[in-house]
C-alpha atoms as a PDB file:
ATOM      1  CA  UNK A   1       8.612  24.278  50.402  1.00  0.00           C
ATOM      2  CA  UNK A   2       5.142  23.052  50.983  1.00  0.00           C
ATOM      3  CA  UNK A   3       3.498  19.847  49.432  1.00  0.00           C
ATOM      4  CA  UNK A   4       1.374  22.333  46.737  1.00  0.00           C
ATOM      5  CA  UNK A   5       4.630  23.531  45.657  1.00  0.00           C
ATOM      6  CA  UNK A   6       6.530  20.392  45.855  1.00  0.00           C
ATOM      7  CA  UNK A   7       3.539  18.752  43.302  1.00  0.00           C
ATOM      8  CA  UNK A   8       3.515  21.553  41.365  1.00  0.00           C
ATOM      9  CA  UNK A   9       7.302  21.271  40.138  1.00  0.00           C
ATOM     10  CA  UNK A  10       6.612  17.646  39.773  1.00  0.00           C
ATOM     11  CA  UNK A  11       3.767  18.106  37.451  1.00  0.00           C
ATOM     12  CA  UNK A  12       6.544  20.575  35.348  1.00  0.00           C
ATOM     13  CA  UNK A  13       8.965  17.519  35.443  1.00  0.00           C
ATOM     14  CA  UNK A  14       6.090  14.877  34.041  1.00  0.00           C
ATOM     15  CA  UNK A  15       5.501  17.500  31.554  1.00  0.00           C
ATOM     16  CA  UNK A  16       9.323  18.303  30.809  1.00  0.00           C
ATOM     17  CA  UNK A  17       9.354  14.808  30.258  1.00  0.00           C
ATOM     18  CA  UNK A  18       6.760  14.222  27.843  1.00  0.00           C
ATOM     19  CA  UNK A  19       7.451  17.157  25.581  1.00  0.00           C
ATOM     20  CA  UNK A  20      11.173  16.194  25.506  1.00  0.00           C
ATOM     21  CA  UNK A  21      10.229  12.480  24.759  1.00  0.00           C
ATOM     22  CA  UNK A  22       6.923  12.931  23.013  1.00  0.00           C
ATOM     23  CA  UNK A  23       7.899  16.088  20.961  1.00  0.00           C
ATOM     24  CA  UNK A  24      10.386  14.496  18.506  1.00  0.00           C
ATOM     25  CA  UNK A  25       7.738  11.506  17.776  1.00  0.00           C
ATOM     26  CA  UNK A  26       5.724  13.951  17.125  1.00  0.00           C
ATOM     27  CA  UNK A  27       8.248  15.513  14.978  1.00  0.00           C
ATOM     28  CA  UNK A  28       8.979  12.415  13.150  1.00  0.00           C
ATOM     29  CA  UNK A  29       4.899  11.158  12.972  1.00  0.00           C
ATOM     30  CA  UNK A  30       4.771  14.934  10.786  1.00  0.00           C
ATOM     31  CA  UNK A  31       7.940  14.289   8.689  1.00  0.00           C
ATOM     32  CA  UNK A  32       6.982  10.803   7.847  1.00  0.00           C
ATOM     33  CA  UNK A  33       4.842  11.614   4.613  1.00  0.00           C
ATOM     34  CA  UNK A  34       7.498  14.559   3.363  1.00  0.00           C
ATOM     35  CA  UNK A  35      10.424  12.838   4.332  1.00  0.00           C
ATOM     36  CA  UNK A  36       9.852   9.324   3.184  1.00  0.00           C
ATOM     37  CA  UNK A  37       9.960   9.486  -0.948  1.00  0.00           C
ATOM     38  CA  UNK A  38       9.202   5.750  -0.477  1.00  0.00           C
ATOM     39  CA  UNK A  39       7.187   2.939   1.490  1.00  0.00           C
ATOM     40  CA  UNK A  40      10.488   1.888   2.161  1.00  0.00           C
ATOM     41  CA  UNK A  41      11.642   5.193   3.656  1.00  0.00           C
ATOM     42  CA  UNK A  42       8.390   5.612   5.131  1.00  0.00           C
ATOM     43  CA  UNK A  43       8.822   2.092   6.657  1.00  0.00           C
ATOM     44  CA  UNK A  44      12.162   3.269   8.033  1.00  0.00           C
ATOM     45  CA  UNK A  45      10.761   6.616  10.049  1.00  0.00           C
ATOM     46  CA  UNK A  46       7.835   5.081  11.277  1.00  0.00           C
ATOM     47  CA  UNK A  47      10.417   2.153  12.388  1.00  0.00           C
ATOM     48  CA  UNK A  48      12.557   4.478  13.849  1.00  0.00           C
ATOM     49  CA  UNK A  49      10.154   6.173  16.321  1.00  0.00           C
ATOM     50  CA  UNK A  50       7.918   2.588  16.581  1.00  0.00           C
ATOM     51  CA  UNK A  51       8.930   1.283  20.021  1.00  0.00           C
ATOM     52  CA  UNK A  52       8.672   4.302  21.983  1.00  0.00           C
ATOM     53  CA  UNK A  53       5.656   6.264  21.080  1.00  0.00           C
ATOM     54  CA  UNK A  54       3.417   4.649  23.385  1.00  0.00           C
ATOM     55  CA  UNK A  55       5.625   4.746  26.053  1.00  0.00           C
ATOM     56  CA  UNK A  56       6.306   7.925  25.340  1.00  0.00           C
ATOM     57  CA  UNK A  57       2.649   8.670  26.199  1.00  0.00           C
ATOM     58  CA  UNK A  58       2.515   7.584  29.215  1.00  0.00           C
ATOM     59  CA  UNK A  59       4.370  10.573  30.547  1.00  0.00           C
ATOM     60  CA  UNK A  60       0.833  12.591  29.748  1.00  0.00           C
ATOM     61  CA  UNK A  61      -1.401  10.393  31.214  1.00  0.00           C
ATOM     62  CA  UNK A  62       1.073  11.042  34.162  1.00  0.00           C
ATOM     63  CA  UNK A  63       0.911  14.557  34.040  1.00  0.00           C
ATOM     64  CA  UNK A  64      -2.960  14.379  33.410  1.00  0.00           C
ATOM     65  CA  UNK A  65      -3.563  11.818  36.773  1.00  0.00           C
ATOM     66  CA  UNK A  66      -1.020  13.719  38.809  1.00  0.00           C
ATOM     67  CA  UNK A  67      -2.976  17.139  38.477  1.00  0.00           C
ATOM     68  CA  UNK A  68      -6.194  15.163  38.686  1.00  0.00           C
ATOM     69  CA  UNK A  69      -4.915  13.704  42.352  1.00  0.00           C
ATOM     70  CA  UNK A  70      -3.199  16.984  43.380  1.00  0.00           C
ATOM     71  CA  UNK A  71      -4.916  19.807  42.012  1.00  0.00           C
ATOM     72  CA  UNK A  72      -8.551  18.507  41.131  1.00  0.00           C
ATOM     73  CA  UNK A  73      -9.664  22.326  40.359  1.00  0.00           C
ATOM     74  CA  UNK A  74      -7.297  23.193  38.424  1.00  0.00           C
ATOM     75  CA  UNK A  75      -7.818  20.158  36.214  1.00  0.00           C
ATOM     76  CA  UNK A  76     -11.715  20.534  36.876  1.00  0.00           C
ATOM     77  CA  UNK A  77     -11.314  23.771  35.143  1.00  0.00           C
ATOM     78  CA  UNK A  78      -8.849  23.380  32.348  1.00  0.00           C
ATOM     79  CA  UNK A  79     -10.682  20.187  31.271  1.00  0.00           C
ATOM     80  CA  UNK A  80     -14.132  21.971  31.193  1.00  0.00           C
ATOM     81  CA  UNK A  81     -13.101  25.054  29.971  1.00  0.00           C
ATOM     82  CA  UNK A  82     -10.832  23.144  26.831  1.00  0.00           C
ATOM     83  CA  UNK A  83     -13.388  20.704  26.230  1.00  0.00           C
ATOM     84  CA  UNK A  84     -13.457  21.303  22.411  1.00  0.00           C
ATOM     85  CA  UNK A  85      -9.429  21.407  22.102  1.00  0.00           C
ATOM     86  CA  UNK A  86      -8.611  18.448  24.212  1.00  0.00           C
ATOM     87  CA  UNK A  87     -11.093  16.526  22.020  1.00  0.00           C
ATOM     88  CA  UNK A  88      -9.684  17.410  18.823  1.00  0.00           C
ATOM     89  CA  UNK A  89      -6.201  16.464  20.293  1.00  0.00           C
ATOM     90  CA  UNK A  90      -7.502  13.025  21.721  1.00  0.00           C
ATOM     91  CA  UNK A  91      -8.742  12.211  18.166  1.00  0.00           C
ATOM     92  CA  UNK A  92      -5.684  13.270  16.406  1.00  0.00           C
ATOM     93  CA  UNK A  93      -4.146  10.844  18.902  1.00  0.00           C
ATOM     94  CA  UNK A  94      -6.130   8.093  18.541  1.00  0.00           C
ATOM     95  CA  UNK A  95      -5.681   8.135  14.386  1.00  0.00           C
ATOM     96  CA  UNK A  96      -1.958   8.527  15.334  1.00  0.00           C
ATOM     97  CA  UNK A  97      -1.975   5.328  17.118  1.00  0.00           C
ATOM     98  CA  UNK A  98      -4.382   3.325  14.436  1.00  0.00           C
ATOM     99  CA  UNK A  99      -1.898   4.955  11.872  1.00  0.00           C
ATOM    100  CA  UNK A 100       1.257   3.000  13.963  1.00  0.00           C
ATOM    101  CA  UNK A 101      -0.996  -0.419  14.133  1.00  0.00           C
ATOM    102  CA  UNK A 102      -2.597  -0.942  10.301  1.00  0.00           C
ATOM    103  CA  UNK A 103       0.166   0.571   7.969  1.00  0.00           C
ATOM    104  CA  UNK A 104       1.903  -2.475   8.193  1.00  0.00           C
ATOM    105  CA  UNK A 105      -1.436  -5.450   7.723  1.00  0.00           C
ATOM    106  CA  UNK A 106      -1.748  -4.392   3.694  1.00  0.00           C
ATOM    107  CA  UNK A 107       1.139  -3.909   1.173  1.00  0.00           C
ATOM    108  CA  UNK A 108      -1.646  -1.886  -0.656  1.00  0.00           C
ATOM    109  CA  UNK A 109       0.315   1.398  -1.255  1.00  0.00           C
ATOM    110  CA  UNK A 110      -2.900   3.394  -0.864  1.00  0.00           C
ATOM    111  CA  UNK A 111      -3.741   2.049   2.102  1.00  0.00           C
ATOM    112  CA  UNK A 112      -0.141   2.917   3.652  1.00  0.00           C
ATOM    113  CA  UNK A 113      -0.222   6.366   2.137  1.00  0.00           C
ATOM    114  CA  UNK A 114      -3.774   6.598   4.218  1.00  0.00           C
ATOM    115  CA  UNK A 115      -1.994   6.057   7.166  1.00  0.00           C
ATOM    116  CA  UNK A 116       1.528   7.631   6.755  1.00  0.00           C
ATOM    117  CA  UNK A 117      -0.860  11.033   5.973  1.00  0.00           C
ATOM    118  CA  UNK A 118      -2.913  10.269   9.847  1.00  0.00           C
ATOM    119  CA  UNK A 119       0.091   9.334  11.439  1.00  0.00           C
ATOM    120  CA  UNK A 120       1.284  13.087   9.970  1.00  0.00           C
ATOM    121  CA  UNK A 121      -2.047  14.984  10.975  1.00  0.00           C
ATOM    122  CA  UNK A 122      -2.362  12.909  14.158  1.00  0.00           C
ATOM    123  CA  UNK A 123       1.101  14.164  15.126  1.00  0.00           C
ATOM    124  CA  UNK A 124       0.265  17.593  13.681  1.00  0.00           C
ATOM    125  CA  UNK A 125      -2.843  18.170  15.766  1.00  0.00           C
ATOM    126  CA  UNK A 126      -1.566  17.258  19.371  1.00  0.00           C
ATOM    127  CA  UNK A 127       1.353  19.193  18.702  1.00  0.00           C
ATOM    128  CA  UNK A 128      -0.442  22.323  18.078  1.00  0.00           C
ATOM    129  CA  UNK A 129      -2.711  22.467  20.016  1.00  0.00           C
ATOM    130  CA  UNK A 130      -0.085  21.777  22.918  1.00  0.00           C
ATOM    131  CA  UNK A 131       1.501  24.959  22.080  1.00  0.00           C
ATOM    132  CA  UNK A 132      -2.079  26.500  22.256  1.00  0.00           C
ATOM    133  CA  UNK A 133      -3.022  25.581  25.190  1.00  0.00           C
ATOM    134  CA  UNK A 134       0.133  26.491  26.984  1.00  0.00           C
ATOM    135  CA  UNK A 135       0.162  29.678  25.675  1.00  0.00           C
ATOM    136  CA  UNK A 136      -3.311  30.169  27.200  1.00  0.00           C
ATOM    137  CA  UNK A 137      -2.611  28.345  30.533  1.00  0.00           C
ATOM    138  CA  UNK A 138      -0.049  31.015  31.211  1.00  0.00           C
ATOM    139  CA  UNK A 139      -1.377  33.934  29.523  1.00  0.00           C
ATOM    140  CA  UNK A 140      -4.904  33.087  31.564  1.00  0.00           C
ATOM    141  CA  UNK A 141      -8.416  32.443  30.589  1.00  0.00           C
ATOM    142  CA  UNK A 142     -11.820  33.911  31.754  1.00  0.00           C
ATOM    143  CA  UNK A 143     -12.624  32.390  35.027  1.00  0.00           C
ATOM    144  CA  UNK A 144     -14.926  33.622  37.581  1.00  0.00           C
ATOM    145  CA  UNK A 145     -15.344  33.434  41.346  1.00  0.00           C
ATOM    146  CA  UNK A 146     -16.590  29.865  41.292  1.00  0.00           C
ATOM    147  CA  UNK A 147     -13.500  28.409  39.500  1.00  0.00           C
ATOM    148  CA  UNK A 148     -15.671  27.918  36.540  1.00  0.00           C
ATOM    149  CA  UNK A 149     -14.436  28.720  32.742  1.00  0.00           C
ATOM    150  CA  UNK A 150     -17.040  31.488  31.609  1.00  0.00           C
ATOM    151  CA  UNK A 151     -15.339  32.157  28.053  1.00  0.00           C
ATOM    152  CA  UNK A 152     -15.742  30.126  24.811  1.00  0.00           C
ATOM    153  CA  UNK A 153     -13.963  27.990  22.602  1.00  0.00           C
ATOM    154  CA  UNK A 154     -12.352  30.945  20.150  1.00  0.00           C
ATOM    155  CA  UNK A 155     -11.196  32.717  23.291  1.00  0.00           C
ATOM    156  CA  UNK A 156      -8.447  29.910  23.399  1.00  0.00           C
ATOM    157  CA  UNK A 157      -7.317  30.675  19.699  1.00  0.00           C
ATOM    158  CA  UNK A 158      -5.855  34.434  19.908  1.00  0.00           C
ATOM    159  CA  UNK A 159      -3.205  35.736  18.090  1.00  0.00           C
ATOM    160  CA  UNK A 160      -0.659  34.567  21.211  1.00  0.00           C
ATOM    161  CA  UNK A 161      -1.876  31.303  21.863  1.00  0.00           C
ATOM    162  CA  UNK A 162      -1.497  30.513  17.981  1.00  0.00           C
ATOM    163  CA  UNK A 163       1.780  31.909  17.888  1.00  0.00           C
ATOM    164  CA  UNK A 164       2.448  29.011  20.910  1.00  0.00           C
ATOM    165  CA  UNK A 165       0.867  26.439  18.793  1.00  0.00           C
ATOM    166  CA  UNK A 166       3.057  27.412  15.313  1.00  0.00           C
ATOM    167  CA  UNK A 167       6.422  27.191  17.793  1.00  0.00           C
ATOM    168  CA  UNK A 168       5.717  24.162  19.885  1.00  0.00           C
ATOM    169  CA  UNK A 169       4.948  23.001  16.007  1.00  0.00           C
ATOM    170  CA  UNK A 170       8.488  23.618  14.805  1.00  0.00           C
ATOM    171  CA  UNK A 171      10.336  22.929  17.533  1.00  0.00           C
ATOM    172  CA  UNK A 172       8.590  19.497  17.577  1.00  0.00           C
ATOM    173  CA  UNK A 173       9.886  19.176  14.311  1.00  0.00           C
ATOM    174  CA  UNK A 174      13.042  20.028  14.438  1.00  0.00           C
ATOM    175  CA  UNK A 175      13.521  17.917  17.988  1.00  0.00           C
ATOM    176  CA  UNK A 176      12.078  14.799  15.357  1.00  0.00           C
ATOM    177  CA  UNK A 177      14.742  15.491  12.806  1.00  0.00           C
ATOM    178  CA  UNK A 178      17.782  15.345  15.409  1.00  0.00           C
ATOM    179  CA  UNK A 179      16.354  11.781  16.681  1.00  0.00           C
ATOM    180  CA  UNK A 180      16.422  10.911  13.112  1.00  0.00           C
ATOM    181  CA  UNK A 181      20.396  11.791  13.484  1.00  0.00           C
ATOM    182  CA  UNK A 182      20.785   9.363  16.323  1.00  0.00           C
ATOM    183  CA  UNK A 183      18.656   6.778  14.911  1.00  0.00           C
ATOM    184  CA  UNK A 184      19.073   6.659  10.809  1.00  0.00           C
ATOM    185  CA  UNK A 185      21.271   5.055   8.718  1.00  0.00           C
ATOM    186  CA  UNK A 186      22.296   5.483   4.860  1.00  0.00           C
ATOM    187  CA  UNK A 187      20.425   8.065   2.634  1.00  0.00           C
ATOM    188  CA  UNK A 188      17.833   8.544   4.882  1.00  0.00           C
ATOM    189  CA  UNK A 189      20.585   9.750   7.251  1.00  0.00           C
ATOM    190  CA  UNK A 190      21.594  12.727   5.074  1.00  0.00           C
ATOM    191  CA  UNK A 191      17.868  13.627   4.695  1.00  0.00           C
ATOM    192  CA  UNK A 192      17.341  13.986   7.704  1.00  0.00           C
ATOM    193  CA  UNK A 193      20.124  16.167   8.581  1.00  0.00           C
ATOM    194  CA  UNK A 194      19.744  18.605   5.631  1.00  0.00           C
ATOM    195  CA  UNK A 195      15.664  18.570   6.918  1.00  0.00           C
ATOM    196  CA  UNK A 196      17.027  19.548  10.321  1.00  0.00           C
ATOM    197  CA  UNK A 197      19.586  22.477   8.845  1.00  0.00           C
ATOM    198  CA  UNK A 198      16.518  23.592   6.958  1.00  0.00           C
ATOM    199  CA  UNK A 199      13.518  23.843   9.913  1.00  0.00           C
ATOM    200  CA  UNK A 200      16.095  25.277  12.273  1.00  0.00           C
ATOM    201  CA  UNK A 201      15.982  28.594  11.098  1.00  0.00           C
ATOM    202  CA  UNK A 202      12.058  28.821  11.815  1.00  0.00           C
ATOM    203  CA  UNK A 203      11.948  27.304  14.928  1.00  0.00           C
ATOM    204  CA  UNK A 204      14.688  29.718  16.019  1.00  0.00           C
ATOM    205  CA  UNK A 205      12.414  32.809  14.610  1.00  0.00           C
ATOM    206  CA  UNK A 206       9.342  31.307  16.154  1.00  0.00           C
ATOM    207  CA  UNK A 207      10.871  30.651  19.677  1.00  0.00           C
ATOM    208  CA  UNK A 208      12.397  34.610  19.736  1.00  0.00           C
ATOM    209  CA  UNK A 209       8.911  35.880  18.464  1.00  0.00           C
ATOM    210  CA  UNK A 210       6.889  34.112  21.386  1.00  0.00           C
ATOM    211  CA  UNK A 211       9.113  34.644  24.077  1.00  0.00           C
ATOM    212  CA  UNK A 212       9.146  38.626  23.224  1.00  0.00           C
ATOM    213  CA  UNK A 213       5.273  38.537  23.065  1.00  0.00           C
ATOM    214  CA  UNK A 214       5.219  36.865  26.159  1.00  0.00           C
ATOM    215  CA  UNK A 215       6.153  40.171  27.472  1.00  0.00           C
ATOM    216  CA  UNK A 216       3.170  41.722  26.655  1.00  0.00           C
ATOM    217  CA  UNK A 217       0.608  38.894  27.304  1.00  0.00           C
ATOM    218  CA  UNK A 218       2.122  37.153  30.384  1.00  0.00           C
ATOM    219  CA  UNK A 219       3.653  37.997  33.437  1.00  0.00           C
ATOM    220  CA  UNK A 220       6.905  37.092  32.719  1.00  0.00           C
ATOM    221  CA  UNK A 221       8.418  40.840  33.296  1.00  0.00           C
ATOM    222  CA  UNK A 222       7.443  39.833  36.985  1.00  0.00           C
ATOM    223  CA  UNK A 223       8.789  36.717  36.969  1.00  0.00           C
ATOM    224  CA  UNK A 224      12.016  37.647  38.362  1.00  0.00           C
ATOM    225  CA  UNK A 225      15.657  37.900  36.816  1.00  0.00           C
ATOM    226  CA  UNK A 226      16.327  34.025  36.760  1.00  0.00           C
ATOM    227  CA  UNK A 227      12.606  33.585  35.084  1.00  0.00           C
ATOM    228  CA  UNK A 228      12.363  35.995  33.215  1.00  0.00           C
ATOM    229  CA  UNK A 229      16.134  36.570  31.372  1.00  0.00           C
ATOM    230  CA  UNK A 230      18.744  34.113  32.699  1.00  0.00           C
ATOM    231  CA  UNK A 231      16.495  30.544  31.827  1.00  0.00           C
ATOM    232  CA  UNK A 232      15.041  31.559  28.012  1.00  0.00           C
ATOM    233  CA  UNK A 233      18.493  33.460  27.367  1.00  0.00           C
ATOM    234  CA  UNK A 234      19.968  30.184  28.084  1.00  0.00           C
ATOM    235  CA  UNK A 235      17.437  27.997  26.453  1.00  0.00           C
ATOM    236  CA  UNK A 236      18.177  30.070  22.985  1.00  0.00           C
ATOM    237  CA  UNK A 237      22.149  30.106  23.265  1.00  0.00           C
ATOM    238  CA  UNK A 238      21.470  25.850  23.630  1.00  0.00           C
ATOM    239  CA  UNK A 239      19.106  26.093  20.529  1.00  0.00           C
ATOM    240  CA  UNK A 240      21.796  27.969  18.419  1.00  0.00           C
ATOM    241  CA  UNK A 241      24.564  25.558  19.796  1.00  0.00           C
ATOM    242  CA  UNK A 242      22.228  22.646  18.532  1.00  0.00           C
ATOM    243  CA  UNK A 243      22.548  24.107  15.005  1.00  0.00           C
ATOM    244  CA  UNK A 244      26.280  24.006  15.427  1.00  0.00           C
ATOM    245  CA  UNK A 245      26.781  20.827  16.711  1.00  0.00           C
ATOM    246  CA  UNK A 246      24.183  18.929  14.248  1.00  0.00           C
ATOM    247  CA  UNK A 247      26.783  20.692  11.367  1.00  0.00           C
ATOM    248  CA  UNK A 248      29.988  19.814  13.324  1.00  0.00           C
ATOM    249  CA  UNK A 249      28.478  15.976  13.026  1.00  0.00           C
ATOM    250  CA  UNK A 250      27.773  15.805  16.776  1.00  0.00           C
ATOM    251  CA  UNK A 251      24.113  14.389  16.313  1.00  0.00           C
ATOM    252  CA  UNK A 252      24.208  13.593  19.886  1.00  0.00           C
ATOM    253  CA  UNK A 253      25.043  17.118  21.396  1.00  0.00           C
ATOM    254  CA  UNK A 254      22.687  18.798  18.784  1.00  0.00           C
ATOM    255  CA  UNK A 255      19.824  16.515  20.482  1.00  0.00           C
ATOM    256  CA  UNK A 256      20.587  16.849  23.999  1.00  0.00           C
ATOM    257  CA  UNK A 257      20.702  20.619  23.718  1.00  0.00           C
ATOM    258  CA  UNK A 258      17.417  20.661  21.961  1.00  0.00           C
ATOM    259  CA  UNK A 259      16.218  18.885  24.652  1.00  0.00           C
ATOM    260  CA  UNK A 260      17.678  21.266  26.760  1.00  0.00           C
ATOM    261  CA  UNK A 261      16.112  23.984  25.033  1.00  0.00           C
ATOM    262  CA  UNK A 262      12.506  22.359  25.884  1.00  0.00           C
ATOM    263  CA  UNK A 263      13.005  21.877  29.113  1.00  0.00           C
ATOM    264  CA  UNK A 264      13.840  25.432  30.038  1.00  0.00           C
ATOM    265  CA  UNK A 265      11.300  26.683  28.236  1.00  0.00           C
ATOM    266  CA  UNK A 266       8.738  24.736  30.721  1.00  0.00           C
ATOM    267  CA  UNK A 267      10.459  26.066  33.576  1.00  0.00           C
ATOM    268  CA  UNK A 268      10.285  29.345  32.193  1.00  0.00           C
ATOM    269  CA  UNK A 269       6.517  28.891  31.621  1.00  0.00           C
ATOM    270  CA  UNK A 270       5.826  27.136  35.223  1.00  0.00           C
ATOM    271  CA  UNK A 271       8.365  29.207  37.019  1.00  0.00           C
ATOM    272  CA  UNK A 272       6.174  32.577  35.764  1.00  0.00           C
ATOM    273  CA  UNK A 273       3.198  30.705  36.735  1.00  0.00           C
ATOM    274  CA  UNK A 274       4.022  29.848  40.142  1.00  0.00           C
ATOM    275  CA  UNK A 275       1.679  30.126  42.442  1.00  0.00           C
ATOM    276  CA  UNK A 276      -0.934  30.513  39.775  1.00  0.00           C
ATOM    277  CA  UNK A 277      -2.223  27.327  38.388  1.00  0.00           C
ATOM    278  CA  UNK A 278      -4.037  28.908  36.201  1.00  0.00           C
ATOM    279  CA  UNK A 279      -4.990  33.203  35.954  1.00  0.00           C
ATOM    280  CA  UNK A 280      -8.232  34.609  35.711  1.00  0.00           C
ATOM    281  CA  UNK A 281      -8.537  37.454  33.153  1.00  0.00           C
ATOM    282  CA  UNK A 282     -11.722  38.919  34.717  1.00  0.00           C
ATOM    283  CA  UNK A 283      -9.771  39.339  38.106  1.00  0.00           C
ATOM    284  CA  UNK A 284      -6.686  38.047  39.346  1.00  0.00           C
ATOM    285  CA  UNK A 285      -8.361  37.014  42.747  1.00  0.00           C
ATOM    286  CA  UNK A 286     -10.380  34.539  41.077  1.00  0.00           C
ATOM    287  CA  UNK A 287      -7.093  32.338  39.232  1.00  0.00           C
ATOM    288  CA  UNK A 288      -6.551  29.765  40.799  1.00  0.00           C
ATOM    289  CA  UNK A 289      -3.389  28.828  42.544  1.00  0.00           C
ATOM    290  CA  UNK A 290      -1.180  26.059  44.003  1.00  0.00           C
ATOM    291  CA  UNK A 291      -2.778  26.355  47.270  1.00  0.00           C
ATOM    292  CA  UNK A 292      -6.549  27.449  46.154  1.00  0.00           C
ATOM    293  CA  UNK A 293      -6.711  24.435  43.664  1.00  0.00           C
ATOM    294  CA  UNK A 294      -5.274  21.505  45.778  1.00  0.00           C
ATOM    295  CA  UNK A 295      -6.024  18.716  47.256  1.00  0.00           C
ATOM    296  CA  UNK A 296      -5.909  18.202  51.536  1.00  0.00           C
ATOM    297  CA  UNK A 297      -2.306  17.759  53.274  1.00  0.00           C
ATOM    298  CA  UNK A 298      -3.111  14.124  53.864  1.00  0.00           C
ATOM    299  CA  UNK A 299      -3.676  13.399  50.127  1.00  0.00           C
ATOM    300  CA  UNK A 300      -0.901  15.152  49.182  1.00  0.00           C
ATOM    301  CA  UNK A 301       1.071  13.221  51.613  1.00  0.00           C
ATOM    302  CA  UNK A 302       0.033  10.072  50.400  1.00  0.00           C
ATOM    303  CA  UNK A 303       0.786  10.582  46.903  1.00  0.00           C
ATOM    304  CA  UNK A 304       4.237  11.996  47.664  1.00  0.00           C
ATOM    305  CA  UNK A 305       4.818   8.837  49.008  1.00  0.00           C
ATOM    306  CA  UNK A 306       3.919   6.696  46.096  1.00  0.00           C
ATOM    307  CA  UNK A 307       5.734   8.909  43.875  1.00  0.00           C
ATOM    308  CA  UNK A 308       8.976   8.258  45.560  1.00  0.00           C
ATOM    309  CA  UNK A 309       8.476   4.739  45.507  1.00  0.00           C
ATOM    310  CA  UNK A 310       7.370   4.284  41.833  1.00  0.00           C
ATOM    311  CA  UNK A 311       8.844   7.269  40.021  1.00  0.00           C
ATOM    312  CA  UNK A 312      12.345   5.582  40.054  1.00  0.00           C
ATOM    313  CA  UNK A 313      10.882   2.227  39.018  1.00  0.00           C
ATOM    314  CA  UNK A 314       8.585   3.819  35.803  1.00  0.00           C
ATOM    315  CA  UNK A 315      12.239   6.215  34.580  1.00  0.00           C
ATOM    316  CA  UNK A 316      14.650   2.988  35.289  1.00  0.00           C
ATOM    317  CA  UNK A 317      11.931   0.570  33.223  1.00  0.00           C
ATOM    318  CA  UNK A 318      12.105   3.993  30.417  1.00  0.00           C
ATOM    319  CA  UNK A 319      15.828   4.247  30.876  1.00  0.00           C
ATOM    320  CA  UNK A 320      16.150   0.701  30.124  1.00  0.00           C
ATOM    321  CA  UNK A 321      13.590   0.242  26.806  1.00  0.00           C
ATOM    322  CA  UNK A 322      15.637   3.126  25.220  1.00  0.00           C
ATOM    323  CA  UNK A 323      19.312   0.988  25.992  1.00  0.00           C
ATOM    324  CA  UNK A 324      17.599  -2.052  24.748  1.00  0.00           C
ATOM    325  CA  UNK A 325      16.406  -0.080  21.004  1.00  0.00           C
ATOM    326  CA  UNK A 326      19.106   1.621  20.530  1.00  0.00           C
ATOM    327  CA  UNK A 327      20.582   1.102  17.376  1.00  0.00           C
ATOM    328  CA  UNK A 328      20.526   2.267  14.314  1.00  0.00           C
ATOM    329  CA  UNK A 329      17.209   1.333  11.050  1.00  0.00           C
ATOM    330  CA  UNK A 330      17.481   1.206   8.129  1.00  0.00           C
ATOM    331  CA  UNK A 331      15.984  -0.635   5.060  1.00  0.00           C
ATOM    332  CA  UNK A 332      17.079  -3.820   6.240  1.00  0.00           C
ATOM    333  CA  UNK A 333      15.395  -3.724   9.520  1.00  0.00           C
ATOM    334  CA  UNK A 334      13.316  -6.376   9.944  1.00  0.00           C
ATOM    335  CA  UNK A 335      11.110  -4.252  12.482  1.00  0.00           C
ATOM    336  CA  UNK A 336       7.990  -3.315  10.340  1.00  0.00           C
ATOM    337  CA  UNK A 337       4.725  -0.970  11.495  1.00  0.00           C
END
């Protein structure tokens, strides 16, 4: 395995970590004004992710930094072509972060209601747009021989990409409710369980539709038995099992199975994409690959050494954070966001 492939795998792993961790707090954020009927209930919902959300976003920064350093041509083409979509995503992330900080600054119900809704909208926008972006990256976009995106904003909003956006949104919503089953107590815990059971049906439907539509829009059929059939079908089985685990009062297993579903979905996308990193719909010869989009071998070597040293430290620190704040939260919690 060459360093180009190694860094492609590492970036896939970083996106797995990002979608797994940030996915559940996107889901919780979207649900705050809907599940929380009183200010007290909404405060508990916000508290459940208040100690994690900013740490989870580090995975996105790390993935973007790794992409910039290891595959600068991929980074340049992607960020220039998806510029408007990424600006909208950034705005969503900004108002989301501000909501956490400003909500508790005033006890006025209108003030708190405003920031609860901005938290929900700020969580919905990136959840939707990440699904659109992943679907477009896998499907391919118009790229010319100079590695330049030559399409427009509405090229990105094709039916397949929009289905991907809806799929990611509901996957994160369901994932968020499973996380709440691990963090809440009292009446809100029962509400989290019933909400999760209701969200499971549209999540499964969208997941299956996205998988089937991928046969028509991507190269999934040519990806080999492992990526085409075994990985996605295993993900589907785990998604189904998460429902029965939750119904059987085993929320920990339900959350783990859903996390594995997300991880295997990313594996399917990156596995089918390889060796491309951004296919061209104009001409396959114009596609960006792990070789023509990468940095020099020396750069990849230095980055590998740095990653080998610091990635375990970051993982250990984040694991410690989740361990420290593992307790359930309720209306008696002194923590307030």
